[in-house]
Amino acid sequence: MMPEEKTKAKIKKSRYGPYTEEVIKHFRNPNNMGEIEDADSVAKVGSPICGDELWVYLKIDKNENNEFYIKDIKFQSFGCAAAVATGSMITELAKGKTLKEALKITRHNVNGALGGLPKIKVHCSLLSTDALYEAIYKFYKKQGIEIPPELEEIHKKIEKGTAIARIKQESGEDYC
């Protein structure tokens, strides 16, 4: 499930400094931005330290093979250019995929599809995949579908990560 692909993108300097043309394109004209009013699942993840938040809305249906798939996906981002761009990219990568396929999308896929992010902004690609995983997790929970052990583990890490970030913030430790 979610293999760690090592698709390191080489960041090319652009007229936007450390951001690639693809990042700027998704920042200025994000795809699938907004809410789905009758969403089947909504998830919010964020870092209480740097303040970035990402909401993912899913509309789920069944395909011809009777598998759940992402019929529609939208996002809202409260954060920097990289947070907006990764939110836009995760929707492109996940739309139309079965839930099992969507759970294989990694932060490396998001980062690579954007042509790379500055090192200090790579956490935004993790934010986008975490939001997708949490939305799928919540859908499974809501539907009473057995949650794959790997997804349950990721959910626990996301919850723990948020707790760790809060503890580090309270102690004054630099986290972002």
C-alpha atoms as a PDB file:
ATOM      1  CA  MET A   1       0.000   0.000   0.000  1.00  0.00           C
ATOM      2  CA  MET A   2       1.720   3.458  -0.250  1.00  0.00           C
ATOM      3  CA  PRO A   3       5.231   2.381  -1.280  1.00  0.00           C
ATOM      4  CA  GLU A   4       7.914   4.976  -0.805  1.00  0.00           C
ATOM      5  CA  GLU A   5       8.854   5.786  -4.357  1.00  0.00           C
ATOM      6  CA  LYS A   6      12.139   7.557  -4.579  1.00  0.00           C
ATOM      7  CA  THR A   7      11.293  10.014  -7.311  1.00  0.00           C
ATOM      8  CA  LYS A   8      13.477  12.861  -6.193  1.00  0.00           C
ATOM      9  CA  ALA A   9      12.761  15.846  -8.326  1.00  0.00           C
ATOM     10  CA  LYS A  10      15.615  18.144  -9.137  1.00  0.00           C
ATOM     11  CA  ILE A  11      14.573  21.681  -8.422  1.00  0.00           C
ATOM     12  CA  LYS A  12      15.443  23.959 -11.262  1.00  0.00           C
ATOM     13  CA  LYS A  13      15.840  27.616 -10.535  1.00  0.00           C
ATOM     14  CA  SER A  14      13.131  29.626 -12.198  1.00  0.00           C
ATOM     15  CA  ARG A  15      12.140  33.244 -12.345  1.00  0.00           C
ATOM     16  CA  TYR A  16      10.202  32.464  -9.164  1.00  0.00           C
ATOM     17  CA  GLY A  17      13.327  31.659  -7.170  1.00  0.00           C
ATOM     18  CA  PRO A  18      13.083  28.269  -5.500  1.00  0.00           C
ATOM     19  CA  TYR A  19       9.624  27.485  -6.924  1.00  0.00           C
ATOM     20  CA  THR A  20       9.194  25.682 -10.224  1.00  0.00           C
ATOM     21  CA  GLU A  21       6.922  26.944 -12.980  1.00  0.00           C
ATOM     22  CA  GLU A  22       4.561  24.036 -12.146  1.00  0.00           C
ATOM     23  CA  VAL A  23       4.290  25.077  -8.484  1.00  0.00           C
ATOM     24  CA  ILE A  24       3.513  28.662  -9.475  1.00  0.00           C
ATOM     25  CA  LYS A  25       0.952  27.471 -12.055  1.00  0.00           C
ATOM     26  CA  HIS A  26      -0.912  25.475  -9.382  1.00  0.00           C
ATOM     27  CA  PHE A  27      -0.596  28.304  -6.851  1.00  0.00           C
ATOM     28  CA  ARG A  28      -1.976  30.971  -9.173  1.00  0.00           C
ATOM     29  CA  ASN A  29      -4.645  28.794 -10.818  1.00  0.00           C
ATOM     30  CA  PRO A  30      -5.334  25.863  -8.510  1.00  0.00           C
ATOM     31  CA  ASN A  31      -7.397  22.980  -9.830  1.00  0.00           C
ATOM     32  CA  ASN A  32     -10.387  21.627  -7.920  1.00  0.00           C
ATOM     33  CA  MET A  33     -10.319  24.332  -5.261  1.00  0.00           C
ATOM     34  CA  GLY A  34     -13.437  24.711  -3.170  1.00  0.00           C
ATOM     35  CA  GLU A  35     -15.910  22.606  -1.229  1.00  0.00           C
ATOM     36  CA  ILE A  36     -18.200  19.742  -2.115  1.00  0.00           C
ATOM     37  CA  GLU A  37     -21.454  20.564  -0.311  1.00  0.00           C
ATOM     38  CA  ASP A  38     -22.680  16.960  -0.148  1.00  0.00           C
ATOM     39  CA  ALA A  39     -19.250  15.373   0.275  1.00  0.00           C
ATOM     40  CA  ASP A  40     -19.073  11.745   1.339  1.00  0.00           C
ATOM     41  CA  SER A  41     -15.984  12.537   3.393  1.00  0.00           C
ATOM     42  CA  VAL A  42     -14.140  15.631   4.567  1.00  0.00           C
ATOM     43  CA  ALA A  43     -10.782  15.715   6.294  1.00  0.00           C
ATOM     44  CA  LYS A  44      -8.662  18.525   7.659  1.00  0.00           C
ATOM     45  CA  VAL A  45      -4.989  18.210   8.481  1.00  0.00           C
ATOM     46  CA  GLY A  46      -2.550  20.866   9.440  1.00  0.00           C
ATOM     47  CA  SER A  47       0.467  21.988  11.302  1.00  0.00           C
ATOM     48  CA  PRO A  48      -0.291  24.081  14.365  1.00  0.00           C
ATOM     49  CA  ILE A  49       3.231  25.424  14.153  1.00  0.00           C
ATOM     50  CA  CYS A  50       3.538  26.831  10.658  1.00  0.00           C
ATOM     51  CA  GLY A  51      -0.215  27.299  10.389  1.00  0.00           C
ATOM     52  CA  ASP A  52      -0.746  25.481   7.095  1.00  0.00           C
ATOM     53  CA  GLU A  53      -4.075  23.665   6.878  1.00  0.00           C
ATOM     54  CA  LEU A  54      -5.501  21.568   4.110  1.00  0.00           C
ATOM     55  CA  TRP A  55      -9.081  20.368   3.763  1.00  0.00           C
ATOM     56  CA  VAL A  56      -9.960  17.579   1.312  1.00  0.00           C
ATOM     57  CA  TYR A  57     -13.532  16.862   0.217  1.00  0.00           C
ATOM     58  CA  LEU A  58     -14.389  13.566  -1.482  1.00  0.00           C
ATOM     59  CA  LYS A  59     -17.389  12.460  -3.501  1.00  0.00           C
ATOM     60  CA  ILE A  60     -17.206   8.675  -3.750  1.00  0.00           C
ATOM     61  CA  ASP A  61     -19.039   6.364  -6.144  1.00  0.00           C
ATOM     62  CA  LYS A  62     -18.685   2.781  -7.345  1.00  0.00           C
ATOM     63  CA  ASN A  63     -17.187   1.920 -10.722  1.00  0.00           C
ATOM     64  CA  GLU A  64     -18.140  -0.902 -13.125  1.00  0.00           C
ATOM     65  CA  ASN A  65     -16.069  -3.320 -11.008  1.00  0.00           C
ATOM     66  CA  ASN A  66     -18.062  -2.356  -7.900  1.00  0.00           C
ATOM     67  CA  GLU A  67     -14.997  -0.653  -6.386  1.00  0.00           C
ATOM     68  CA  PHE A  68     -15.210   2.671  -4.589  1.00  0.00           C
ATOM     69  CA  TYR A  69     -13.540   5.447  -6.559  1.00  0.00           C
ATOM     70  CA  ILE A  70     -13.062   9.191  -6.226  1.00  0.00           C
ATOM     71  CA  LYS A  71     -15.722  10.695  -8.446  1.00  0.00           C
ATOM     72  CA  ASP A  72     -14.908  14.220  -7.357  1.00  0.00           C
ATOM     73  CA  ILE A  73     -12.327  15.808  -5.080  1.00  0.00           C
ATOM     74  CA  LYS A  74     -11.826  19.377  -3.983  1.00  0.00           C
ATOM     75  CA  PHE A  75      -9.538  21.091  -1.525  1.00  0.00           C
ATOM     76  CA  GLN A  76      -9.167  24.241   0.480  1.00  0.00           C
ATOM     77  CA  SER A  77      -5.808  25.418   1.702  1.00  0.00           C
ATOM     78  CA  PHE A  78      -4.873  27.954   4.290  1.00  0.00           C
ATOM     79  CA  GLY A  79      -1.181  28.329   3.804  1.00  0.00           C
ATOM     80  CA  CYS A  80       1.710  29.255   1.596  1.00  0.00           C
ATOM     81  CA  ALA A  81       2.163  28.842  -2.161  1.00  0.00           C
ATOM     82  CA  ALA A  82       3.492  25.293  -1.692  1.00  0.00           C
ATOM     83  CA  ALA A  83       0.463  24.313   0.417  1.00  0.00           C
ATOM     84  CA  VAL A  84      -1.925  25.562  -2.273  1.00  0.00           C
ATOM     85  CA  ALA A  85       0.069  23.914  -5.073  1.00  0.00           C
ATOM     86  CA  THR A  86       0.263  20.536  -3.318  1.00  0.00           C
ATOM     87  CA  GLY A  87      -3.477  20.687  -2.570  1.00  0.00           C
ATOM     88  CA  SER A  88      -4.156  21.312  -6.245  1.00  0.00           C
ATOM     89  CA  MET A  89      -1.801  18.528  -7.334  1.00  0.00           C
ATOM     90  CA  ILE A  90      -3.193  15.890  -4.947  1.00  0.00           C
ATOM     91  CA  THR A  91      -6.641  16.435  -6.457  1.00  0.00           C
ATOM     92  CA  GLU A  92      -5.264  15.900  -9.963  1.00  0.00           C
ATOM     93  CA  LEU A  93      -3.452  12.745  -8.949  1.00  0.00           C
ATOM     94  CA  ALA A  94      -6.413  11.238  -7.030  1.00  0.00           C
ATOM     95  CA  LYS A  95      -9.449  12.153  -9.141  1.00  0.00           C
ATOM     96  CA  GLY A  96     -10.924   9.095 -10.866  1.00  0.00           C
ATOM     97  CA  LYS A  97      -8.773   6.623  -8.938  1.00  0.00           C
ATOM     98  CA  THR A  98     -10.153   3.812  -6.807  1.00  0.00           C
ATOM     99  CA  LEU A  99      -9.603   4.316  -3.098  1.00  0.00           C
ATOM    100  CA  LYS A 100      -6.975   1.580  -3.151  1.00  0.00           C
ATOM    101  CA  GLU A 101      -5.143   3.343  -5.984  1.00  0.00           C
ATOM    102  CA  ALA A 102      -5.424   6.718  -4.260  1.00  0.00           C
ATOM    103  CA  LEU A 103      -3.830   5.280  -1.124  1.00  0.00           C
ATOM    104  CA  LYS A 104      -0.733   4.527  -3.204  1.00  0.00           C
ATOM    105  CA  ILE A 105      -0.133   8.210  -3.966  1.00  0.00           C
ATOM    106  CA  THR A 106       2.894   9.351  -1.976  1.00  0.00           C
ATOM    107  CA  ARG A 107       4.363  12.699  -1.073  1.00  0.00           C
ATOM    108  CA  HIS A 108       7.130  11.837  -3.540  1.00  0.00           C
ATOM    109  CA  ASN A 109       4.526  11.601  -6.317  1.00  0.00           C
ATOM    110  CA  VAL A 110       3.134  15.026  -5.399  1.00  0.00           C
ATOM    111  CA  ASN A 111       6.576  16.594  -5.085  1.00  0.00           C
ATOM    112  CA  GLY A 112       7.739  15.032  -8.351  1.00  0.00           C
ATOM    113  CA  ALA A 113       4.626  16.088 -10.268  1.00  0.00           C
ATOM    114  CA  LEU A 114       5.274  19.676  -9.181  1.00  0.00           C
ATOM    115  CA  GLY A 115       8.885  19.500 -10.335  1.00  0.00           C
ATOM    116  CA  GLY A 116      10.165  19.666  -6.766  1.00  0.00           C
ATOM    117  CA  LEU A 117       9.727  21.882  -3.756  1.00  0.00           C
ATOM    118  CA  PRO A 118      12.303  23.752  -1.720  1.00  0.00           C
ATOM    119  CA  LYS A 119      13.497  21.593   1.175  1.00  0.00           C
ATOM    120  CA  ILE A 120      11.788  23.787   3.736  1.00  0.00           C
ATOM    121  CA  LYS A 121       8.460  23.314   1.883  1.00  0.00           C
ATOM    122  CA  VAL A 122       8.543  19.542   1.308  1.00  0.00           C
ATOM    123  CA  HIS A 123       6.306  19.076   4.357  1.00  0.00           C
ATOM    124  CA  CYS A 124       3.469  20.536   2.249  1.00  0.00           C
ATOM    125  CA  SER A 125       3.517  17.455   0.006  1.00  0.00           C
ATOM    126  CA  LEU A 126       3.087  15.345   3.132  1.00  0.00           C
ATOM    127  CA  LEU A 127       0.228  17.587   4.231  1.00  0.00           C
ATOM    128  CA  SER A 128      -1.582  16.898   0.945  1.00  0.00           C
ATOM    129  CA  THR A 129      -1.224  13.115   1.111  1.00  0.00           C
ATOM    130  CA  ASP A 130      -2.158  13.075   4.787  1.00  0.00           C
ATOM    131  CA  ALA A 131      -5.367  14.983   3.997  1.00  0.00           C
ATOM    132  CA  LEU A 132      -6.229  12.501   1.242  1.00  0.00           C
ATOM    133  CA  TYR A 133      -5.485   9.493   3.470  1.00  0.00           C
ATOM    134  CA  GLU A 134      -7.555  10.964   6.320  1.00  0.00           C
ATOM    135  CA  ALA A 135     -10.514  11.612   4.004  1.00  0.00           C
ATOM    136  CA  ILE A 136     -10.389   7.995   2.820  1.00  0.00           C
ATOM    137  CA  TYR A 137     -10.000   6.794   6.420  1.00  0.00           C
ATOM    138  CA  LYS A 138     -13.071   8.787   7.464  1.00  0.00           C
ATOM    139  CA  PHE A 139     -15.060   7.417   4.514  1.00  0.00           C
ATOM    140  CA  TYR A 140     -14.225   3.836   5.501  1.00  0.00           C
ATOM    141  CA  LYS A 141     -15.175   4.595   9.132  1.00  0.00           C
ATOM    142  CA  LYS A 142     -18.454   6.252   8.133  1.00  0.00           C
ATOM    143  CA  GLN A 143     -19.404   3.357   5.854  1.00  0.00           C
ATOM    144  CA  GLY A 144     -18.420   0.683   8.367  1.00  0.00           C
ATOM    145  CA  ILE A 145     -15.835  -0.694   5.939  1.00  0.00           C
ATOM    146  CA  GLU A 146     -12.874  -2.532   7.409  1.00  0.00           C
ATOM    147  CA  ILE A 147      -9.905  -0.190   7.467  1.00  0.00           C
ATOM    148  CA  PRO A 148      -6.727  -1.654   5.981  1.00  0.00           C
ATOM    149  CA  PRO A 149      -4.053  -2.036   8.707  1.00  0.00           C
ATOM    150  CA  GLU A 150      -1.638   0.215   6.781  1.00  0.00           C
ATOM    151  CA  LEU A 151      -4.215   3.008   6.664  1.00  0.00           C
ATOM    152  CA  GLU A 152      -4.984   2.593  10.373  1.00  0.00           C
ATOM    153  CA  GLU A 153      -1.255   2.952  11.082  1.00  0.00           C
ATOM    154  CA  ILE A 154      -1.007   6.079   8.937  1.00  0.00           C
ATOM    155  CA  HIS A 155      -4.044   7.561  10.690  1.00  0.00           C
ATOM    156  CA  LYS A 156      -2.355   7.007  14.067  1.00  0.00           C
ATOM    157  CA  LYS A 157       0.854   8.643  12.802  1.00  0.00           C
ATOM    158  CA  ILE A 158      -1.091  11.648  11.522  1.00  0.00           C
ATOM    159  CA  GLU A 159      -2.793  12.041  14.897  1.00  0.00           C
ATOM    160  CA  LYS A 160       0.494  11.552  16.733  1.00  0.00           C
ATOM    161  CA  GLY A 161       2.285  13.972  14.415  1.00  0.00           C
ATOM    162  CA  THR A 162      -0.202  16.694  15.206  1.00  0.00           C
ATOM    163  CA  ALA A 163       0.237  16.032  18.924  1.00  0.00           C
ATOM    164  CA  ILE A 164       4.037  16.136  18.601  1.00  0.00           C
ATOM    165  CA  ALA A 165       3.826  19.413  16.682  1.00  0.00           C
ATOM    166  CA  ARG A 166       1.682  20.940  19.441  1.00  0.00           C
ATOM    167  CA  ILE A 167       4.118  19.800  22.138  1.00  0.00           C
ATOM    168  CA  LYS A 168       7.079  21.217  20.212  1.00  0.00           C
ATOM    169  CA  GLN A 169       5.215  24.472  19.658  1.00  0.00           C
ATOM    170  CA  GLU A 170       4.418  24.800  23.361  1.00  0.00           C
ATOM    171  CA  SER A 171       8.058  24.166  24.259  1.00  0.00           C
ATOM    172  CA  GLY A 172       9.216  26.835  21.805  1.00  0.00           C
ATOM    173  CA  GLU A 173      11.117  24.308  19.657  1.00  0.00           C
ATOM    174  CA  ASP A 174      11.484  25.247  15.988  1.00  0.00           C
ATOM    175  CA  TYR A 175       9.469  22.747  13.987  1.00  0.00           C
ATOM    176  CA  CYS A 176       8.680  24.263  10.607  1.00  0.00           C
END
